[in-house]
């Protein structure tokens, strides 16, 4: 797996996951919505720590800054 996520992308994903967690624990979301968003938050956290998003591959997207020689 080649890294394809930059720092900003990872930070935004982690922030969204934290917001979903706060909404769940504050009982603002529940039921199916909470389950779906919880799974999404887990995927966001996992992909952030791996610095790899499989959905970027088919589209050739990379938010990783290229190193200058």
Protein backbone atom coordinates (compact mmCIF):
# COMPACT_ATOMS: atom_id res chain seq x y z
CA UNK A 1 0.00 0.00 0.00
CA UNK A 2 1.46 3.28 -1.12
CA UNK A 3 0.53 6.24 1.06
CA UNK A 4 -1.90 8.62 -0.63
CA UNK A 5 -3.17 10.83 2.19
CA UNK A 6 -1.69 14.12 3.32
CA UNK A 7 -1.65 15.62 6.79
CA UNK A 8 -4.65 17.89 6.22
CA UNK A 9 -6.72 15.01 4.84
CA UNK A 10 -5.89 12.87 7.88
CA UNK A 11 -6.68 15.70 10.30
CA UNK A 12 -10.08 16.34 8.70
CA UNK A 13 -10.97 12.63 8.83
CA UNK A 14 -10.00 12.38 12.50
CA UNK A 15 -11.96 15.55 13.31
CA UNK A 16 -15.07 14.18 11.57
CA UNK A 17 -14.72 10.89 13.47
CA UNK A 18 -14.44 12.76 16.78
CA UNK A 19 -17.52 14.86 15.97
CA UNK A 20 -19.49 11.69 15.17
CA UNK A 21 -18.36 10.18 18.48
CA UNK A 22 -19.43 13.29 20.40
CA UNK A 23 -22.82 13.32 18.66
CA UNK A 24 -23.32 9.67 19.59
CA UNK A 25 -22.35 10.06 23.25
CA UNK A 26 -24.51 13.19 23.55
CA UNK A 27 -27.46 11.11 22.27
CA UNK A 28 -27.98 13.43 19.31
CA UNK A 29 -27.73 10.53 16.87
CA UNK A 30 -29.08 7.05 17.50
CA UNK A 31 -30.36 3.93 15.80
CA UNK A 32 -29.40 3.17 12.23
CA UNK A 33 -27.92 6.63 11.71
CA UNK A 34 -25.58 6.14 14.65
CA UNK A 35 -24.55 2.70 13.40
CA UNK A 36 -23.79 3.89 9.87
CA UNK A 37 -21.95 7.00 11.07
CA UNK A 38 -20.07 4.93 13.66
CA UNK A 39 -18.82 2.58 10.95
CA UNK A 40 -17.85 5.58 8.83
CA UNK A 41 -15.97 7.09 11.78
CA UNK A 42 -14.11 3.81 12.29
CA UNK A 43 -13.12 3.71 8.63
CA UNK A 44 -11.96 7.34 8.82
CA UNK A 45 -9.80 6.60 11.87
CA UNK A 46 -8.34 3.43 10.31
CA UNK A 47 -7.52 5.08 6.98
CA UNK A 48 -6.03 8.09 8.75
CA UNK A 49 -3.59 5.99 10.73
CA UNK A 50 -2.70 3.93 7.65
CA UNK A 51 -2.32 7.09 5.49
CA UNK A 52 -4.04 5.16 2.73
CA UNK A 53 -7.52 5.50 1.24
CA UNK A 54 -8.53 2.67 -1.11
CA UNK A 55 -11.22 4.85 -2.71
CA UNK A 56 -8.53 7.22 -3.99
CA UNK A 57 -6.87 4.49 -6.09
CA UNK A 58 -9.37 4.14 -8.96
CA UNK A 59 -9.50 7.91 -9.38
CA UNK A 60 -5.74 8.46 -9.09
CA UNK A 61 -6.18 10.90 -6.20
CA UNK A 62 -3.40 11.66 -3.76
CA UNK A 63 -3.44 14.41 -1.14
CA UNK A 64 0.11 13.61 -0.11
CA UNK A 65 2.53 16.42 -0.83
CA UNK A 66 5.35 15.45 -3.12
CA UNK A 67 8.83 15.77 -1.66
CA UNK A 68 11.10 18.31 -3.25
CA UNK A 69 14.43 16.94 -4.49
